[in-house]
Protein backbone atom coordinates (compact mmCIF):
# COMPACT_ATOMS: atom_id res chain seq x y z
CA MET A 1 -11.85 44.26 40.70
CA ALA A 2 -14.17 45.53 44.11
CA GLY A 3 -16.38 43.41 45.03
CA GLY A 4 -19.47 45.45 44.78
CA GLN A 5 -18.77 46.00 41.52
CA GLU A 6 -18.46 42.20 40.68
CA ARG A 7 -21.51 42.20 42.03
CA ILE A 8 -23.11 44.53 39.83
CA LEU A 9 -22.13 43.04 36.64
CA ARG A 10 -23.02 39.24 37.91
CA ARG A 11 -26.45 40.83 38.16
CA ARG A 12 -26.54 42.38 34.98
CA ILE A 13 -25.38 39.57 33.31
CA LYS A 14 -28.28 37.68 34.92
CA SER A 15 -30.63 39.69 34.11
CA VAL A 16 -29.41 39.81 30.76
CA GLN A 17 -29.57 36.20 30.44
CA SER A 18 -33.12 36.13 31.73
CA THR A 19 -34.34 38.45 29.34
CA LYS A 20 -32.73 36.00 26.54
CA LYS A 21 -34.96 33.15 27.62
CA ILE A 22 -38.18 35.46 27.49
CA THR A 23 -37.09 37.10 23.89
CA ARG A 24 -36.25 33.61 22.91
CA ALA A 25 -39.25 31.75 23.56
CA MET A 26 -40.88 34.75 21.87
CA GLU A 27 -39.26 34.19 18.99
CA LEU A 28 -40.44 30.38 18.51
CA ILE A 29 -43.81 31.22 19.44
CA ALA A 30 -44.16 33.82 16.28
CA ALA A 31 -42.28 31.57 14.41
CA SER A 32 -44.93 28.37 14.97
CA ARG A 33 -47.65 31.37 14.84
CA ILE A 34 -46.36 32.24 11.26
CA VAL A 35 -47.09 28.76 10.14
CA LYS A 36 -51.14 28.75 11.10
CA ALA A 37 -51.31 32.48 10.08
CA GLN A 38 -50.16 31.64 6.53
CA ALA A 39 -52.40 28.20 6.38
CA ARG A 40 -55.44 30.55 7.70
CA VAL A 41 -54.61 32.81 4.47
CA VAL A 42 -54.37 30.27 1.84
CA ALA A 43 -57.55 28.78 3.62
CA ALA A 44 -59.89 31.61 2.92
CA GLN A 45 -58.73 32.26 -0.55
CA PRO A 46 -60.93 29.88 -1.99
CA TYR A 47 -63.70 31.68 -0.51
CA ALA A 48 -62.60 35.13 -1.82
CA ASP A 49 -62.22 34.05 -5.09
CA GLY A 50 -65.42 32.34 -5.69
CA ILE A 51 -67.38 35.17 -4.31
CA THR A 52 -65.22 37.49 -6.49
CA GLY A 53 -65.84 35.29 -9.66
CA VAL A 54 -69.80 35.47 -8.89
CA VAL A 55 -69.68 38.90 -9.08
CA ARG A 56 -67.80 39.20 -11.51
CA ASP A 57 -70.43 37.11 -13.83
CA LEU A 58 -73.42 39.10 -12.17
CA ALA A 59 -71.38 42.38 -13.42
CA ALA A 60 -70.86 40.49 -17.21
CA ALA A 61 -74.97 39.79 -16.91
CA GLY A 62 -75.71 43.65 -16.77
CA ALA A 63 -76.40 43.34 -12.97
CA GLY A 64 -75.13 46.24 -10.75
CA SER A 65 -75.29 49.67 -13.11
CA SER A 66 -77.08 51.44 -10.36
CA SER A 67 -75.71 49.28 -7.11
CA PRO A 68 -73.97 52.56 -5.02
CA LEU A 69 -71.19 49.78 -4.15
CA LEU A 70 -70.07 50.22 -7.91
CA ALA A 71 -71.08 53.57 -8.57
CA VAL A 72 -68.14 55.78 -8.61
CA ARG A 73 -68.93 59.43 -6.82
CA ASP A 74 -68.92 62.34 -9.10
CA SER A 75 -66.92 63.98 -6.21
CA VAL A 76 -65.12 62.60 -2.97
CA SER A 77 -65.81 64.96 -0.28
CA THR A 78 -65.02 61.96 2.51
CA VAL A 79 -62.52 59.63 2.56
CA ALA A 80 -62.80 56.60 5.08
CA HIS A 81 -59.43 54.75 6.05
CA ILE A 82 -59.66 51.47 7.90
CA ALA A 83 -56.20 51.08 9.45
CA ILE A 84 -55.42 47.32 10.63
CA ALA A 85 -52.60 47.12 13.00
CA ALA A 86 -51.97 44.99 16.16
CA ASP A 87 -53.42 44.66 20.00
CA ARG A 88 -49.50 44.46 21.12
CA GLY A 89 -46.07 45.73 20.71
CA LEU A 90 -42.70 43.98 20.45
CA CYS A 91 -42.81 43.30 16.74
CA GLY A 92 -40.86 46.42 15.39
CA GLY A 93 -42.02 48.54 13.13
CA TYR A 94 -45.41 46.79 12.21
CA ASN A 95 -47.57 49.13 14.03
CA SER A 96 -45.87 52.65 13.39
CA THR A 97 -45.16 51.84 9.33
CA VAL A 98 -49.30 51.20 9.23
CA VAL A 99 -50.28 54.00 11.65
CA ARG A 100 -47.51 56.34 9.46
CA THR A 101 -48.96 55.58 6.28
CA THR A 102 -52.11 56.18 7.78
CA GLU A 103 -51.19 59.59 8.66
CA VAL A 104 -49.82 60.25 5.25
CA GLU A 105 -53.08 59.54 3.67
CA MET A 106 -55.55 61.32 6.28
CA ARG A 107 -53.15 64.47 5.31
CA ALA A 108 -53.17 64.04 1.50
CA ALA A 109 -57.01 63.81 1.84
CA SER A 110 -57.05 67.35 4.05
CA ALA A 111 -55.07 68.68 1.44
CA ALA A 112 -57.27 67.72 -1.76
CA GLY A 113 -60.60 69.21 0.83
CA GLN A 114 -61.76 66.03 1.98
CA ARG A 115 -62.80 65.02 5.43
CA ASN A 116 -61.22 62.18 6.95
CA ALA A 117 -63.32 59.28 8.73
CA LEU A 118 -60.86 56.95 10.69
CA VAL A 119 -61.40 53.13 11.79
CA THR A 120 -58.96 51.42 13.50
CA SER A 121 -58.43 47.41 13.98
CA GLY A 122 -55.99 46.99 17.13
CA ARG A 123 -55.15 48.57 20.08
CA LYS A 124 -51.82 50.25 19.29
CA PRO A 125 -53.41 52.32 16.22
CA GLU A 126 -56.37 52.76 18.68
CA SER A 127 -54.09 54.53 21.36
CA TYR A 128 -51.99 56.42 18.81
CA PHE A 129 -54.36 58.29 17.33
CA ARG A 130 -56.93 58.31 20.73
CA PHE A 131 -53.55 60.31 22.57
CA ARG A 132 -53.59 62.67 19.46
CA GLU A 133 -57.00 63.16 19.94
CA ILE A 134 -57.66 62.33 16.48
CA PRO A 135 -61.66 61.90 16.03
CA MET A 136 -62.52 58.01 14.91
CA ASP A 137 -65.66 56.70 13.89
CA GLY A 138 -65.48 52.68 15.00
CA SER A 139 -62.59 50.97 17.08
CA PHE A 140 -62.18 47.17 17.42
CA ALA A 141 -59.62 45.14 19.07
CA GLY A 142 -58.95 41.59 21.15
CA TYR A 143 -58.42 39.65 17.75
CA SER A 144 -55.20 41.04 16.20
CA ASP A 145 -53.29 37.40 16.09
CA ALA A 146 -56.35 35.18 15.19
CA PRO A 147 -59.19 37.37 13.80
CA THR A 148 -62.52 35.72 12.67
CA TYR A 149 -64.98 36.69 9.79
CA GLU A 150 -67.24 38.24 12.63
CA ASN A 151 -64.09 40.75 13.38
CA ALA A 152 -64.56 41.48 9.11
CA ARG A 153 -68.15 41.79 9.19
CA ASP A 154 -68.29 43.98 12.49
CA ILE A 155 -65.70 46.57 10.51
CA ALA A 156 -67.84 46.42 7.63
CA ALA A 157 -70.84 47.12 9.48
CA VAL A 158 -69.49 50.48 10.40
CA VAL A 159 -68.65 52.02 7.05
CA SER A 160 -71.08 50.09 4.87
CA ARG A 161 -73.67 51.56 6.33
CA ARG A 162 -72.08 55.15 5.98
CA PHE A 163 -71.24 54.16 2.58
CA LEU A 164 -74.65 53.46 1.53
CA ASP A 165 -76.01 56.55 3.35
CA GLY A 166 -73.81 58.98 1.26
CA ASP A 167 -71.66 60.19 4.63
CA ILE A 168 -68.34 58.51 3.24
CA ASP A 169 -67.74 58.66 -0.48
CA LYS A 170 -64.71 56.62 -0.32
CA VAL A 171 -63.17 53.43 1.43
CA GLN A 172 -59.49 52.72 1.83
CA LEU A 173 -57.85 49.90 3.58
CA ILE A 174 -54.54 50.09 5.21
CA TYR A 175 -52.91 46.79 6.55
CA THR A 176 -49.71 44.80 5.86
CA LYS A 177 -49.44 42.15 3.15
CA PHE A 178 -47.89 39.10 3.71
CA LEU A 179 -46.04 37.89 0.82
CA SER A 180 -43.87 35.55 2.29
CA ALA A 181 -42.10 34.75 5.67
CA GLY A 182 -39.33 37.35 4.96
CA ARG A 183 -41.33 40.18 3.43
CA GLN A 184 -44.04 41.86 3.81
CA GLU A 185 -45.37 45.15 2.89
CA VAL A 186 -48.12 48.27 3.83
CA VAL A 187 -50.54 48.54 1.09
CA ILE A 188 -53.49 50.67 0.43
CA GLU A 189 -56.61 49.11 -1.16
CA GLN A 190 -60.11 50.98 -2.37
CA LEU A 191 -62.68 48.90 -0.45
CA MET A 192 -65.53 50.69 -1.37
CA PRO A 193 -66.85 51.64 -4.33
CA LEU A 194 -65.57 48.44 -4.66
CA ASP A 195 -62.81 48.38 -8.17
CA THR A 196 -64.49 47.03 -11.07
CA SER A 197 -61.18 47.02 -12.50
CA GLU A 198 -60.79 43.82 -10.10
CA LEU A 199 -63.78 42.39 -11.03
CA ALA A 200 -62.80 42.66 -14.62
CA SER A 201 -59.20 41.42 -14.40
CA GLY A 202 -58.78 37.69 -15.01
CA ALA A 203 -62.52 37.58 -16.68
CA LYS A 204 -62.76 34.71 -18.88
CA GLN A 205 -65.61 33.22 -21.61
CA GLN A 206 -68.28 32.89 -19.09
CA ALA A 207 -71.36 30.48 -19.82
CA ASP A 208 -74.81 31.58 -19.76
CA TYR A 209 -76.53 31.59 -16.70
CA GLU A 210 -80.18 31.83 -15.79
CA PHE A 211 -80.36 33.87 -12.34
CA GLU A 212 -82.95 33.54 -10.17
CA PRO A 213 -83.92 35.63 -8.47
CA ASN A 214 -82.67 38.99 -11.09
CA PRO A 215 -79.25 39.35 -10.97
CA ASP A 216 -79.49 42.81 -9.26
CA THR A 217 -81.09 41.23 -6.36
CA ILE A 218 -78.68 38.89 -6.08
CA LEU A 219 -75.70 40.95 -6.59
CA ASP A 220 -77.19 43.49 -4.03
CA ALA A 221 -76.59 40.76 -1.64
CA LEU A 222 -73.42 39.49 -2.64
CA LEU A 223 -71.55 43.09 -2.44
CA PRO A 224 -71.93 43.39 0.93
CA ARG A 225 -70.51 39.64 1.73
CA TYR A 226 -67.59 40.81 -0.95
CA ALA A 227 -66.63 43.76 1.12
CA GLU A 228 -66.64 41.64 4.08
CA ALA A 229 -64.23 38.84 2.13
CA LYS A 230 -61.73 41.98 1.44
CA ILE A 231 -61.20 43.10 5.15
CA TYR A 232 -61.40 39.27 6.20
CA ALA A 233 -58.41 38.56 3.86
CA ALA A 234 -56.67 42.17 5.27
CA LEU A 235 -57.27 40.77 8.18
CA LEU A 236 -55.35 37.54 7.97
CA ASN A 237 -52.66 38.75 6.04
CA ALA A 238 -51.96 41.82 8.88
CA ALA A 239 -51.86 38.98 11.45
CA ALA A 240 -49.63 36.45 9.26
CA SER A 241 -47.69 39.48 9.11
CA GLU A 242 -47.13 40.42 12.83
CA HIS A 243 -46.25 37.35 13.72
CA ALA A 244 -43.24 37.39 10.85
CA PHE A 245 -42.63 41.05 12.35
CA ARG A 246 -42.37 39.67 15.82
CA GLN A 247 -40.24 36.92 14.90
CA ARG A 248 -37.73 39.03 13.33
CA ALA A 249 -37.88 41.29 16.32
CA MET A 250 -37.43 38.64 19.22
CA LYS A 251 -34.56 37.14 17.43
CA ALA A 252 -32.75 40.67 16.92
CA ALA A 253 -33.41 41.02 20.50
CA THR A 254 -31.90 37.74 21.70
CA ASP A 255 -28.92 38.17 19.62
CA ASN A 256 -28.29 41.65 21.08
CA ALA A 257 -28.75 39.89 24.22
CA ASP A 258 -26.10 37.25 23.81
CA GLU A 259 -23.45 40.04 22.69
CA LEU A 260 -23.95 41.48 25.60
CA ILE A 261 -23.40 38.90 27.75
CA ARG A 262 -20.11 38.13 25.71
CA THR A 263 -19.12 42.33 26.27
CA LEU A 264 -20.68 42.27 29.73
CA SER A 265 -18.46 39.12 30.93
CA ARG A 266 -14.86 40.15 29.03
CA ILE A 267 -15.22 43.18 31.25
CA MET A 268 -16.07 41.48 34.19
CA ASN A 269 -12.90 38.76 33.04
CA ARG A 270 -10.63 41.42 32.12
CA ALA A 271 -11.51 43.99 35.37
CA ARG A 272 -11.02 40.93 37.72
CA GLN A 273 -7.62 39.92 36.22
CA ASP A 274 -6.57 43.12 36.90
CA SER A 275 -7.53 43.07 40.11
CA ILE A 276 -5.58 39.86 40.49
CA THR A 277 -2.76 41.24 39.14
CA THR A 278 -2.83 44.32 41.05
CA GLU A 279 -3.29 42.02 44.86
CA ILE A 280 -0.23 39.78 43.45
CA MET A 281 2.15 42.90 42.81
CA GLU A 282 1.06 44.20 46.33
CA ILE A 283 2.09 40.74 47.95
CA VAL A 284 5.02 40.74 46.27
CA GLY A 285 6.38 44.29 46.77
CA GLY A 286 5.06 43.61 50.44
CA ALA A 287 7.43 40.98 50.65
CA ALA A 288 10.25 42.75 49.38
CA ALA A 289 9.53 45.80 51.74
CA MET A 290 9.43 43.54 54.66
CA ALA A 291 12.87 41.48 53.49
CA ASP A 292 14.77 44.77 52.89
CA GLY A 293 13.84 45.50 56.61
CA ALA A 294 14.75 42.68 57.91
CA GLY A 295 17.97 42.73 56.67
CA SER A 296 18.31 46.43 57.95
CA ASP A 297 17.43 44.98 61.76
CA ASP A 298 20.35 42.54 61.50
CA ASP A 299 23.34 45.36 60.18
CA ASP A 300 22.38 46.75 63.44
CA PHE A 301 23.81 43.89 65.46
CA LEU A 302 27.06 43.53 63.47
CA PRO A 303 30.30 43.90 65.76
CA ALA A 304 32.34 46.96 64.73
CA HIS A 305 35.73 46.23 63.41
């Protein structure tokens, strides 16, 4: 084997080994963050359940008949899409799946004669739609792996104001729901107007409450918090899903690096063996040639009979 080729292979193997160390470290970090993100999803659930229960009680008391957040519009002319993805890549098809789903929803709205409004959460969807010169009504980034309630409030403020003003008739969330460490799926949830069937589901025999002030006033104050809670839950699910996707992607990259190292090592060892065998044969052949040459010279000095 030529020395130059061996050096190239050794350098490549060393480079793959360095990459493997990085992907392995990223896999372990993502695995540890999945646990924390899943715990945050669970911790936020009691608040979401509590505010849902209060809103359900208020609706059962007859409140909300005139609330714009509960009233379904007679006609939908503008649909807002909130696409929630990641700030970074290296997480398999996580970002691309959310982006493709958002594009499908936007095309469907356009085909129905509706206008689209777009709000992105995460640098990846923002850069994707900006590159394609698709206008955005809002873009938020810098928190995808650990969102806070303030991030959800900022997103809700953008769409709520326009929905209440009548500029938007429907708002939907597009994000990846975390079901387990091995299963996540992209979902589309209606955010505004609030899904009254969700409030009605799970309704039980309600106690006779006295509300102070009146139920309509309380409900008007709670509905924006309810929308914020739904966005916050979507952000937390998206964060947990991002870590799960990244953990799987980095594990696949680490396994591929192991396989590539084994393949390159076999190629280098096989080529080295061929080179050694060739050199041995050349040495043996040269020695035999020298021996034959020496025998011919001795025959020249033998006496004639």
